[in-house]
Amino acid sequence: MTKDDAERIIKAILKGEKLLERRAHFWARTEHRPFTVQDVDRILRRHVLADEPRRDETHGNHEVRLDGRTLDGAQVRIVLGLREVGPCSLITIFDRKPPKRR
């Protein structure tokens, strides 16, 4: 999968033409992190691909990392599992800024 393929699939997700499932890992993380599904939607619309899609043989998809900002301006990364056929997965969301050292 190329970056162009990934962008095409993300556009299909945004148009409602492709399903984006939220994995249990995502829901577990959002319980402990200050991010929402609305933040994910914003990042899907306004993102930068962090690197080339990587094949994940275990899950049968391509892992894609998207960098963007939440509604309140936090710099975050979301990780998606993209597929040409079948539903895609929202794996996780996390803060990209390292914590401040004391």
PDB file of N, CA and C in Angstrom:
ATOM      1  N   MET A   1       0.849  -1.181   0.000  1.00  0.00           N
ATOM      2  CA  MET A   1       0.000   0.000   0.000  1.00  0.00           C
ATOM      3  C   MET A   1       0.890   1.239   0.000  1.00  0.00           C
ATOM      4  N   THR A   2       0.542   2.190  -0.842  1.00  0.00           N
ATOM      5  CA  THR A   2       1.282   3.447  -0.912  1.00  0.00           C
ATOM      6  C   THR A   2       0.576   4.517  -0.074  1.00  0.00           C
ATOM      7  N   LYS A   3       1.243   5.665   0.070  1.00  0.00           N
ATOM      8  CA  LYS A   3       0.608   6.786   0.768  1.00  0.00           C
ATOM      9  C   LYS A   3      -0.651   7.233   0.030  1.00  0.00           C
ATOM     10  N   ASP A   4      -0.604   7.215  -1.290  1.00  0.00           N
ATOM     11  CA  ASP A   4      -1.788   7.606  -2.081  1.00  0.00           C
ATOM     12  C   ASP A   4      -2.951   6.647  -1.841  1.00  0.00           C
ATOM     13  N   ASP A   5      -2.656   5.356  -1.747  1.00  0.00           N
ATOM     14  CA  ASP A   5      -3.698   4.366  -1.447  1.00  0.00           C
ATOM     15  C   ASP A   5      -4.299   4.650  -0.069  1.00  0.00           C
ATOM     16  N   ALA A   6      -3.433   4.935   0.899  1.00  0.00           N
ATOM     17  CA  ALA A   6      -3.901   5.225   2.260  1.00  0.00           C
ATOM     18  C   ALA A   6      -4.803   6.458   2.269  1.00  0.00           C
ATOM     19  N   GLU A   7      -4.406   7.507   1.565  1.00  0.00           N
ATOM     20  CA  GLU A   7      -5.212   8.735   1.512  1.00  0.00           C
ATOM     21  C   GLU A   7      -6.572   8.461   0.857  1.00  0.00           C
ATOM     22  N   ARG A   8      -6.590   7.631  -0.172  1.00  0.00           N
ATOM     23  CA  ARG A   8      -7.847   7.286  -0.845  1.00  0.00           C
ATOM     24  C   ARG A   8      -8.791   6.563   0.121  1.00  0.00           C
ATOM     25  N   ILE A   9      -8.250   5.644   0.910  1.00  0.00           N
ATOM     26  CA  ILE A   9      -9.064   4.906   1.875  1.00  0.00           C
ATOM     27  C   ILE A   9      -9.564   5.834   2.981  1.00  0.00           C
ATOM     28  N   ILE A  10      -8.712   6.737   3.448  1.00  0.00           N
ATOM     29  CA  ILE A  10      -9.131   7.698   4.486  1.00  0.00           C
ATOM     30  C   ILE A  10     -10.264   8.574   3.961  1.00  0.00           C
ATOM     31  N   LYS A  11     -10.174   9.010   2.721  1.00  0.00           N
ATOM     32  CA  LYS A  11     -11.263   9.806   2.126  1.00  0.00           C
ATOM     33  C   LYS A  11     -12.556   8.999   2.063  1.00  0.00           C
ATOM     34  N   ALA A  12     -12.458   7.709   1.750  1.00  0.00           N
ATOM     35  CA  ALA A  12     -13.655   6.851   1.712  1.00  0.00           C
ATOM     36  C   ALA A  12     -14.259   6.715   3.107  1.00  0.00           C
ATOM     37  N   ILE A  13     -13.415   6.646   4.130  1.00  0.00           N
ATOM     38  CA  ILE A  13     -13.907   6.593   5.513  1.00  0.00           C
ATOM     39  C   ILE A  13     -14.669   7.873   5.827  1.00  0.00           C
ATOM     40  N   LEU A  14     -14.090   9.013   5.476  1.00  0.00           N
ATOM     41  CA  LEU A  14     -14.724  10.303   5.767  1.00  0.00           C
ATOM     42  C   LEU A  14     -16.055  10.471   5.033  1.00  0.00           C
ATOM     43  N   LYS A  15     -16.162   9.898   3.845  1.00  0.00           N
ATOM     44  CA  LYS A  15     -17.407   9.986   3.066  1.00  0.00           C
ATOM     45  C   LYS A  15     -18.450   8.972   3.531  1.00  0.00           C
ATOM     46  N   GLY A  16     -18.065   8.086   4.451  1.00  0.00           N
ATOM     47  CA  GLY A  16     -18.992   7.059   4.911  1.00  0.00           C
ATOM     48  C   GLY A  16     -19.069   5.866   3.981  1.00  0.00           C
ATOM     49  N   GLU A  17     -18.167   5.785   3.036  1.00  0.00           N
ATOM     50  CA  GLU A  17     -18.150   4.677   2.083  1.00  0.00           C
ATOM     51  C   GLU A  17     -17.407   3.463   2.629  1.00  0.00           C
ATOM     52  N   LYS A  18     -16.644   3.656   3.696  1.00  0.00           N
ATOM     53  CA  LYS A  18     -15.845   2.596   4.301  1.00  0.00           C
ATOM     54  C   LYS A  18     -16.005   2.681   5.811  1.00  0.00           C
ATOM     55  N   LEU A  19     -16.160   1.543   6.446  1.00  0.00           N
ATOM     56  CA  LEU A  19     -16.359   1.475   7.896  1.00  0.00           C
ATOM     57  C   LEU A  19     -15.039   1.615   8.636  1.00  0.00           C
ATOM     58  N   LEU A  20     -15.046   2.404   9.716  1.00  0.00           N
ATOM     59  CA  LEU A  20     -13.894   2.526  10.613  1.00  0.00           C
ATOM     60  C   LEU A  20     -14.307   2.015  11.984  1.00  0.00           C
ATOM     61  N   GLU A  21     -13.863   0.813  12.308  1.00  0.00           N
ATOM     62  CA  GLU A  21     -14.160   0.221  13.611  1.00  0.00           C
ATOM     63  C   GLU A  21     -13.197   0.762  14.656  1.00  0.00           C
ATOM     64  N   ARG A  22     -13.703   0.911  15.862  1.00  0.00           N
ATOM     65  CA  ARG A  22     -12.858   1.329  16.979  1.00  0.00           C
ATOM     66  C   ARG A  22     -12.486   0.087  17.772  1.00  0.00           C
ATOM     67  N   ARG A  23     -11.204  -0.227  17.836  1.00  0.00           N
ATOM     68  CA  ARG A  23     -10.745  -1.397  18.577  1.00  0.00           C
ATOM     69  C   ARG A  23     -10.860  -1.154  20.075  1.00  0.00           C
ATOM     70  N   ALA A  24     -10.922  -2.243  20.821  1.00  0.00           N
ATOM     71  CA  ALA A  24     -11.003  -2.152  22.284  1.00  0.00           C
ATOM     72  C   ALA A  24      -9.833  -1.358  22.837  1.00  0.00           C
ATOM     73  N   HIS A  25      -8.658  -1.495  22.235  1.00  0.00           N
ATOM     74  CA  HIS A  25      -7.474  -0.750  22.674  1.00  0.00           C
ATOM     75  C   HIS A  25      -7.730   0.757  22.603  1.00  0.00           C
ATOM     76  N   PHE A  26      -8.407   1.203  21.535  1.00  0.00           N
ATOM     77  CA  PHE A  26      -8.721   2.626  21.401  1.00  0.00           C
ATOM     78  C   PHE A  26      -9.611   3.090  22.549  1.00  0.00           C
ATOM     79  N   TRP A  27     -10.689   2.340  22.825  1.00  0.00           N
ATOM     80  CA  TRP A  27     -11.613   2.737  23.890  1.00  0.00           C
ATOM     81  C   TRP A  27     -10.924   2.715  25.258  1.00  0.00           C
ATOM     82  N   ALA A  28     -10.052   1.754  25.477  1.00  0.00           N
ATOM     83  CA  ALA A  28      -9.309   1.696  26.747  1.00  0.00           C
ATOM     84  C   ALA A  28      -8.421   2.927  26.891  1.00  0.00           C
ATOM     85  N   ARG A  29      -7.803   3.344  25.815  1.00  0.00           N
ATOM     86  CA  ARG A  29      -6.912   4.512  25.873  1.00  0.00           C
ATOM     87  C   ARG A  29      -7.685   5.811  26.076  1.00  0.00           C
ATOM     88  N   THR A  30      -8.848   5.929  25.460  1.00  0.00           N
ATOM     89  CA  THR A  30      -9.589   7.179  25.611  1.00  0.00           C
ATOM     90  C   THR A  30     -10.150   7.348  27.021  1.00  0.00           C
ATOM     91  N   GLU A  31     -10.255   6.253  27.770  1.00  0.00           N
ATOM     92  CA  GLU A  31     -10.682   6.369  29.169  1.00  0.00           C
ATOM     93  C   GLU A  31      -9.630   7.083  30.006  1.00  0.00           C
ATOM     94  N   HIS A  32      -8.358   6.955  29.618  1.00  0.00           N
ATOM     95  CA  HIS A  32      -7.258   7.506  30.410  1.00  0.00           C
ATOM     96  C   HIS A  32      -6.570   8.691  29.744  1.00  0.00           C
ATOM     97  N   ARG A  33      -7.012   9.039  28.573  1.00  0.00           N
ATOM     98  CA  ARG A  33      -6.411  10.154  27.844  1.00  0.00           C
ATOM     99  C   ARG A  33      -7.503  11.149  27.476  1.00  0.00           C
ATOM    100  N   PRO A  34      -7.140  12.427  27.354  1.00  0.00           N
ATOM    101  CA  PRO A  34      -8.162  13.460  27.142  1.00  0.00           C
ATOM    102  C   PRO A  34      -8.583  13.647  25.688  1.00  0.00           C
ATOM    103  N   PHE A  35      -8.759  12.549  24.945  1.00  0.00           N
ATOM    104  CA  PHE A  35      -9.106  12.647  23.535  1.00  0.00           C
ATOM    105  C   PHE A  35     -10.496  12.091  23.282  1.00  0.00           C
ATOM    106  N   THR A  36     -11.121  12.591  22.223  1.00  0.00           N
ATOM    107  CA  THR A  36     -12.483  12.180  21.891  1.00  0.00           C
ATOM    108  C   THR A  36     -12.561  11.672  20.456  1.00  0.00           C
ATOM    109  N   VAL A  37     -13.694  11.084  20.114  1.00  0.00           N
ATOM    110  CA  VAL A  37     -13.930  10.654  18.743  1.00  0.00           C
ATOM    111  C   VAL A  37     -13.955  11.879  17.820  1.00  0.00           C
ATOM    112  N   GLN A  38     -14.401  13.020  18.324  1.00  0.00           N
ATOM    113  CA  GLN A  38     -14.400  14.255  17.526  1.00  0.00           C
ATOM    114  C   GLN A  38     -12.971  14.679  17.188  1.00  0.00           C
ATOM    115  N   ASP A  39     -12.041  14.444  18.108  1.00  0.00           N
ATOM    116  CA  ASP A  39     -10.632  14.725  17.819  1.00  0.00           C
ATOM    117  C   ASP A  39     -10.141  13.832  16.679  1.00  0.00           C
ATOM    118  N   VAL A  40     -10.529  12.580  16.715  1.00  0.00           N
ATOM    119  CA  VAL A  40     -10.130  11.644  15.653  1.00  0.00           C
ATOM    120  C   VAL A  40     -10.671  12.124  14.316  1.00  0.00           C
ATOM    121  N   ASP A  41     -11.929  12.551  14.283  1.00  0.00           N
ATOM    122  CA  ASP A  41     -12.527  13.035  13.040  1.00  0.00           C
ATOM    123  C   ASP A  41     -11.745  14.226  12.495  1.00  0.00           C
ATOM    124  N   ARG A  42     -11.362  15.136  13.366  1.00  0.00           N
ATOM    125  CA  ARG A  42     -10.582  16.304  12.937  1.00  0.00           C
ATOM    126  C   ARG A  42      -9.242  15.872  12.344  1.00  0.00           C
ATOM    127  N   ILE A  43      -8.589  14.916  12.980  1.00  0.00           N
ATOM    128  CA  ILE A  43      -7.293  14.468  12.494  1.00  0.00           C
ATOM    129  C   ILE A  43      -7.438  13.730  11.162  1.00  0.00           C
ATOM    130  N   LEU A  44      -8.502  12.966  11.007  1.00  0.00           N
ATOM    131  CA  LEU A  44      -8.731  12.311   9.721  1.00  0.00           C
ATOM    132  C   LEU A  44      -8.889  13.352   8.606  1.00  0.00           C
ATOM    133  N   ARG A  45      -9.492  14.468   8.922  1.00  0.00           N
ATOM    134  CA  ARG A  45      -9.716  15.521   7.927  1.00  0.00           C
ATOM    135  C   ARG A  45      -8.472  16.381   7.677  1.00  0.00           C
ATOM    136  N   ARG A  46      -7.680  16.577   8.711  1.00  0.00           N
ATOM    137  CA  ARG A  46      -6.502  17.459   8.627  1.00  0.00           C
ATOM    138  C   ARG A  46      -5.305  16.738   9.239  1.00  0.00           C
ATOM    139  N   HIS A  47      -4.607  15.994   8.446  1.00  0.00           N
ATOM    140  CA  HIS A  47      -3.506  15.190   8.974  1.00  0.00           C
ATOM    141  C   HIS A  47      -2.309  15.210   8.043  1.00  0.00           C
ATOM    142  N   VAL A  48      -1.227  14.690   8.573  1.00  0.00           N
ATOM    143  CA  VAL A  48      -0.018  14.425   7.803  1.00  0.00           C
ATOM    144  C   VAL A  48       0.329  12.972   8.058  1.00  0.00           C
ATOM    145  N   LEU A  49       0.571  12.200   7.004  1.00  0.00           N
ATOM    146  CA  LEU A  49       1.013  10.830   7.185  1.00  0.00           C
ATOM    147  C   LEU A  49       2.427  10.878   7.758  1.00  0.00           C
ATOM    148  N   ALA A  50       2.625  10.221   8.898  1.00  0.00           N
ATOM    149  CA  ALA A  50       3.916  10.267   9.577  1.00  0.00           C
ATOM    150  C   ALA A  50       4.979   9.472   8.833  1.00  0.00           C
ATOM    151  N   ASP A  51       4.570   8.409   8.141  1.00  0.00           N
ATOM    152  CA  ASP A  51       5.517   7.568   7.413  1.00  0.00           C
ATOM    153  C   ASP A  51       4.751   6.698   6.423  1.00  0.00           C
ATOM    154  N   GLU A  52       5.459   5.849   5.731  1.00  0.00           N
ATOM    155  CA  GLU A  52       4.832   4.951   4.764  1.00  0.00           C
ATOM    156  C   GLU A  52       3.967   3.916   5.484  1.00  0.00           C
ATOM    157  N   PRO A  53       2.848   3.504   4.883  1.00  0.00           N
ATOM    158  CA  PRO A  53       2.048   2.422   5.468  1.00  0.00           C
ATOM    159  C   PRO A  53       2.899   1.154   5.597  1.00  0.00           C
ATOM    160  N   ARG A  54       2.701   0.445   6.720  1.00  0.00           N
ATOM    161  CA  ARG A  54       3.450  -0.785   6.962  1.00  0.00           C
ATOM    162  C   ARG A  54       2.498  -1.965   7.044  1.00  0.00           C
ATOM    163  N   ARG A  55       2.847  -3.030   6.379  1.00  0.00           N
ATOM    164  CA  ARG A  55       2.030  -4.250   6.389  1.00  0.00           C
ATOM    165  C   ARG A  55       2.071  -4.885   7.775  1.00  0.00           C
ATOM    166  N   ASP A  56       0.901  -5.216   8.304  1.00  0.00           N
ATOM    167  CA  ASP A  56       0.774  -5.917   9.581  1.00  0.00           C
ATOM    168  C   ASP A  56       0.157  -7.282   9.288  1.00  0.00           C
ATOM    169  N   GLU A  57       0.993  -8.273   9.186  1.00  0.00           N
ATOM    170  CA  GLU A  57       0.540  -9.628   8.843  1.00  0.00           C
ATOM    171  C   GLU A  57      -0.373 -10.208   9.922  1.00  0.00           C
ATOM    172  N   THR A  58      -0.141  -9.859  11.176  1.00  0.00           N
ATOM    173  CA  THR A  58      -0.945 -10.382  12.277  1.00  0.00           C
ATOM    174  C   THR A  58      -2.417 -10.011  12.126  1.00  0.00           C
ATOM    175  N   HIS A  59      -2.687  -8.765  11.730  1.00  0.00           N
ATOM    176  CA  HIS A  59      -4.063  -8.284  11.623  1.00  0.00           C
ATOM    177  C   HIS A  59      -4.562  -8.206  10.178  1.00  0.00           C
ATOM    178  N   GLY A  60      -3.704  -8.492   9.225  1.00  0.00           N
ATOM    179  CA  GLY A  60      -4.124  -8.496   7.823  1.00  0.00           C
ATOM    180  C   GLY A  60      -4.475  -7.128   7.284  1.00  0.00           C
ATOM    181  N   ASN A  61      -3.745  -6.107   7.728  1.00  0.00           N
ATOM    182  CA  ASN A  61      -4.000  -4.756   7.248  1.00  0.00           C
ATOM    183  C   ASN A  61      -2.682  -4.005   7.082  1.00  0.00           C
ATOM    184  N   HIS A  62      -2.790  -2.726   6.791  1.00  0.00           N
ATOM    185  CA  HIS A  62      -1.627  -1.845   6.720  1.00  0.00           C
ATOM    186  C   HIS A  62      -1.761  -0.810   7.828  1.00  0.00           C
ATOM    187  N   GLU A  63      -0.745  -0.720   8.674  1.00  0.00           N
ATOM    188  CA  GLU A  63      -0.761   0.238   9.771  1.00  0.00           C
ATOM    189  C   GLU A  63      -0.300   1.597   9.248  1.00  0.00           C
ATOM    190  N   VAL A  64      -1.096   2.618   9.554  1.00  0.00           N
ATOM    191  CA  VAL A  64      -0.819   3.977   9.102  1.00  0.00           C
ATOM    192  C   VAL A  64      -0.854   4.895  10.312  1.00  0.00           C
ATOM    193  N   ARG A  65       0.134   5.774  10.402  1.00  0.00           N
ATOM    194  CA  ARG A  65       0.205   6.742  11.492  1.00  0.00           C
ATOM    195  C   ARG A  65      -0.084   8.131  10.933  1.00  0.00           C
ATOM    196  N   LEU A  66      -1.066   8.806  11.550  1.00  0.00           N
ATOM    197  CA  LEU A  66      -1.446  10.148  11.135  1.00  0.00           C
ATOM    198  C   LEU A  66      -1.152  11.131  12.249  1.00  0.00           C
ATOM    199  N   ASP A  67      -0.439  12.204  11.926  1.00  0.00           N
ATOM    200  CA  ASP A  67      -0.176  13.264  12.894  1.00  0.00           C
ATOM    201  C   ASP A  67      -1.133  14.415  12.641  1.00  0.00           C
ATOM    202  N   GLY A  68      -1.583  15.026  13.733  1.00  0.00           N
ATOM    203  CA  GLY A  68      -2.490  16.150  13.613  1.00  0.00           C
ATOM    204  C   GLY A  68      -2.717  16.806  14.956  1.00  0.00           C
ATOM    205  N   ARG A  69      -3.690  17.697  14.999  1.00  0.00           N
ATOM    206  CA  ARG A  69      -4.030  18.420  16.236  1.00  0.00           C
ATOM    207  C   ARG A  69      -5.484  18.151  16.611  1.00  0.00           C
ATOM    208  N   THR A  70      -5.716  18.047  17.906  1.00  0.00           N
ATOM    209  CA  THR A  70      -7.068  17.867  18.413  1.00  0.00           C
ATOM    210  C   THR A  70      -7.817  19.195  18.343  1.00  0.00           C
ATOM    211  N   LEU A  71      -9.075  19.176  18.725  1.00  0.00           N
ATOM    212  CA  LEU A  71      -9.883  20.392  18.716  1.00  0.00           C
ATOM    213  C   LEU A  71      -9.309  21.468  19.633  1.00  0.00           C
ATOM    214  N   ASP A  72      -8.630  21.045  20.716  1.00  0.00           N
ATOM    215  CA  ASP A  72      -8.027  22.033  21.620  1.00  0.00           C
ATOM    216  C   ASP A  72      -6.558  22.313  21.305  1.00  0.00           C
ATOM    217  N   GLY A  73      -6.061  21.793  20.180  1.00  0.00           N
ATOM    218  CA  GLY A  73      -4.718  22.121  19.708  1.00  0.00           C
ATOM    219  C   GLY A  73      -3.598  21.181  20.128  1.00  0.00           C
ATOM    220  N   ALA A  74      -3.911  20.107  20.844  1.00  0.00           N
ATOM    221  CA  ALA A  74      -2.867  19.163  21.250  1.00  0.00           C
ATOM    222  C   ALA A  74      -2.316  18.428  20.036  1.00  0.00           C
ATOM    223  N   GLN A  75      -1.006  18.217  20.014  1.00  0.00           N
ATOM    224  CA  GLN A  75      -0.361  17.476  18.935  1.00  0.00           C
ATOM    225  C   GLN A  75      -0.462  15.986  19.240  1.00  0.00           C
ATOM    226  N   VAL A  76      -1.163  15.259  18.376  1.00  0.00           N
ATOM    227  CA  VAL A  76      -1.379  13.837  18.629  1.00  0.00           C
ATOM    228  C   VAL A  76      -1.101  13.009  17.379  1.00  0.00           C
ATOM    229  N   ARG A  77      -1.058  11.720  17.600  1.00  0.00           N
ATOM    230  CA  ARG A  77      -0.928  10.754  16.514  1.00  0.00           C
ATOM    231  C   ARG A  77      -2.037   9.731  16.685  1.00  0.00           C
ATOM    232  N   ILE A  78      -2.683   9.380  15.573  1.00  0.00           N
ATOM    233  CA  ILE A  78      -3.605   8.255  15.597  1.00  0.00           C
ATOM    234  C   ILE A  78      -3.016   7.154  14.724  1.00  0.00           C
ATOM    235  N   VAL A  79      -3.317   5.940  15.088  1.00  0.00           N
ATOM    236  CA  VAL A  79      -2.844   4.783  14.336  1.00  0.00           C
ATOM    237  C   VAL A  79      -4.070   4.058  13.797  1.00  0.00           C
ATOM    238  N   LEU A  80      -4.070   3.834  12.485  1.00  0.00           N
ATOM    239  CA  LEU A  80      -5.165   3.153  11.806  1.00  0.00           C
ATOM    240  C   LEU A  80      -4.662   1.843  11.215  1.00  0.00           C
ATOM    241  N   GLY A  81      -5.555   0.883  11.114  1.00  0.00           N
ATOM    242  CA  GLY A  81      -5.303  -0.337  10.366  1.00  0.00           C
ATOM    243  C   GLY A  81      -6.170  -0.267   9.118  1.00  0.00           C
ATOM    244  N   LEU A  82      -5.569  -0.024   7.970  1.00  0.00           N
ATOM    245  CA  LEU A  82      -6.322   0.165   6.733  1.00  0.00           C
ATOM    246  C   LEU A  82      -6.335  -1.109   5.893  1.00  0.00           C
ATOM    247  N   ARG A  83      -7.473  -1.324   5.239  1.00  0.00           N
ATOM    248  CA  ARG A  83      -7.660  -2.465   4.330  1.00  0.00           C
ATOM    249  C   ARG A  83      -8.336  -1.967   3.064  1.00  0.00           C
ATOM    250  N   GLU A  84      -7.967  -2.580   1.951  1.00  0.00           N
ATOM    251  CA  GLU A  84      -8.663  -2.299   0.686  1.00  0.00           C
ATOM    252  C   GLU A  84     -10.074  -2.892   0.730  1.00  0.00           C
ATOM    253  N   VAL A  85     -10.191  -4.097   1.285  1.00  0.00           N
ATOM    254  CA  VAL A  85     -11.467  -4.809   1.357  1.00  0.00           C
ATOM    255  C   VAL A  85     -11.799  -5.046   2.822  1.00  0.00           C
ATOM    256  N   GLY A  86     -13.016  -4.718   3.204  1.00  0.00           N
ATOM    257  CA  GLY A  86     -13.438  -4.908   4.587  1.00  0.00           C
ATOM    258  C   GLY A  86     -13.221  -3.656   5.422  1.00  0.00           C
ATOM    259  N   PRO A  87     -13.665  -3.718   6.681  1.00  0.00           N
ATOM    260  CA  PRO A  87     -13.578  -2.539   7.542  1.00  0.00           C
ATOM    261  C   PRO A  87     -12.147  -2.227   7.947  1.00  0.00           C
ATOM    262  N   CYS A  88     -11.909  -0.949   8.200  1.00  0.00           N
ATOM    263  CA  CYS A  88     -10.630  -0.484   8.714  1.00  0.00           C
ATOM    264  C   CYS A  88     -10.759  -0.344  10.232  1.00  0.00           C
ATOM    265  N   SER A  89      -9.629  -0.163  10.909  1.00  0.00           N
ATOM    266  CA  SER A  89      -9.644  -0.097  12.376  1.00  0.00           C
ATOM    267  C   SER A  89      -8.947   1.150  12.880  1.00  0.00           C
ATOM    268  N   LEU A  90      -9.547   1.769  13.884  1.00  0.00           N
ATOM    269  CA  LEU A  90      -8.913   2.841  14.642  1.00  0.00           C
ATOM    270  C   LEU A  90      -8.250   2.167  15.826  1.00  0.00           C
ATOM    271  N   ILE A  91      -6.934   2.136  15.838  1.00  0.00           N
ATOM    272  CA  ILE A  91      -6.206   1.367  16.833  1.00  0.00           C
ATOM    273  C   ILE A  91      -5.961   2.157  18.112  1.00  0.00           C
ATOM    274  N   THR A  92      -5.380   3.366  17.986  1.00  0.00           N
ATOM    275  CA  THR A  92      -5.078   4.144  19.183  1.00  0.00           C
ATOM    276  C   THR A  92      -4.886   5.612  18.837  1.00  0.00           C
ATOM    277  N   ILE A  93      -4.838   6.426  19.884  1.00  0.00           N
ATOM    278  CA  ILE A  93      -4.537   7.854  19.785  1.00  0.00           C
ATOM    279  C   ILE A  93      -3.636   8.187  20.964  1.00  0.00           C
ATOM    280  N   PHE A  94      -2.605   8.990  20.709  1.00  0.00           N
ATOM    281  CA  PHE A  94      -1.716   9.378  21.818  1.00  0.00           C
ATOM    282  C   PHE A  94      -1.074  10.726  21.545  1.00  0.00           C
ATOM    283  N   ASP A  95      -0.625  11.360  22.629  1.00  0.00           N
ATOM    284  CA  ASP A  95       0.016  12.669  22.587  1.00  0.00           C
ATOM    285  C   ASP A  95       1.403  12.533  21.982  1.00  0.00           C
ATOM    286  N   ARG A  96       1.751  13.381  21.037  1.00  0.00           N
ATOM    287  CA  ARG A  96       3.079  13.359  20.410  1.00  0.00           C
ATOM    288  C   ARG A  96       4.102  14.155  21.166  1.00  0.00           C
ATOM    289  N   LYS A  97       3.678  15.115  21.970  1.00  0.00           N
ATOM    290  CA  LYS A  97       4.649  15.931  22.707  1.00  0.00           C
ATOM    291  C   LYS A  97       5.168  15.143  23.897  1.00  0.00           C
ATOM    292  N   PRO A  98       6.472  15.055  24.036  1.00  0.00           N
ATOM    293  CA  PRO A  98       7.003  14.345  25.204  1.00  0.00           C
ATOM    294  C   PRO A  98       6.705  15.125  26.479  1.00  0.00           C
ATOM    295  N   PRO A  99       6.525  14.404  27.599  1.00  0.00           N
ATOM    296  CA  PRO A  99       6.251  15.114  28.846  1.00  0.00           C
ATOM    297  C   PRO A  99       7.446  15.976  29.241  1.00  0.00           C
ATOM    298  N   LYS A 100       7.153  17.080  29.912  1.00  0.00           N
ATOM    299  CA  LYS A 100       8.213  17.998  30.358  1.00  0.00           C
ATOM    300  C   LYS A 100       9.020  17.352  31.470  1.00  0.00           C
ATOM    301  N   ARG A 101      10.315  17.548  31.404  1.00  0.00           N
ATOM    302  CA  ARG A 101      11.199  17.016  32.461  1.00  0.00           C
ATOM    303  C   ARG A 101      11.270  18.002  33.605  1.00  0.00           C
ATOM    304  N   ARG A 102      11.414  17.480  34.759  1.00  0.00           N
ATOM    305  CA  ARG A 102      11.498  18.351  35.944  1.00  0.00           C
ATOM    306  C   ARG A 102      12.925  18.673  36.267  1.00  0.00           C
TER     307      ARG A 102
END
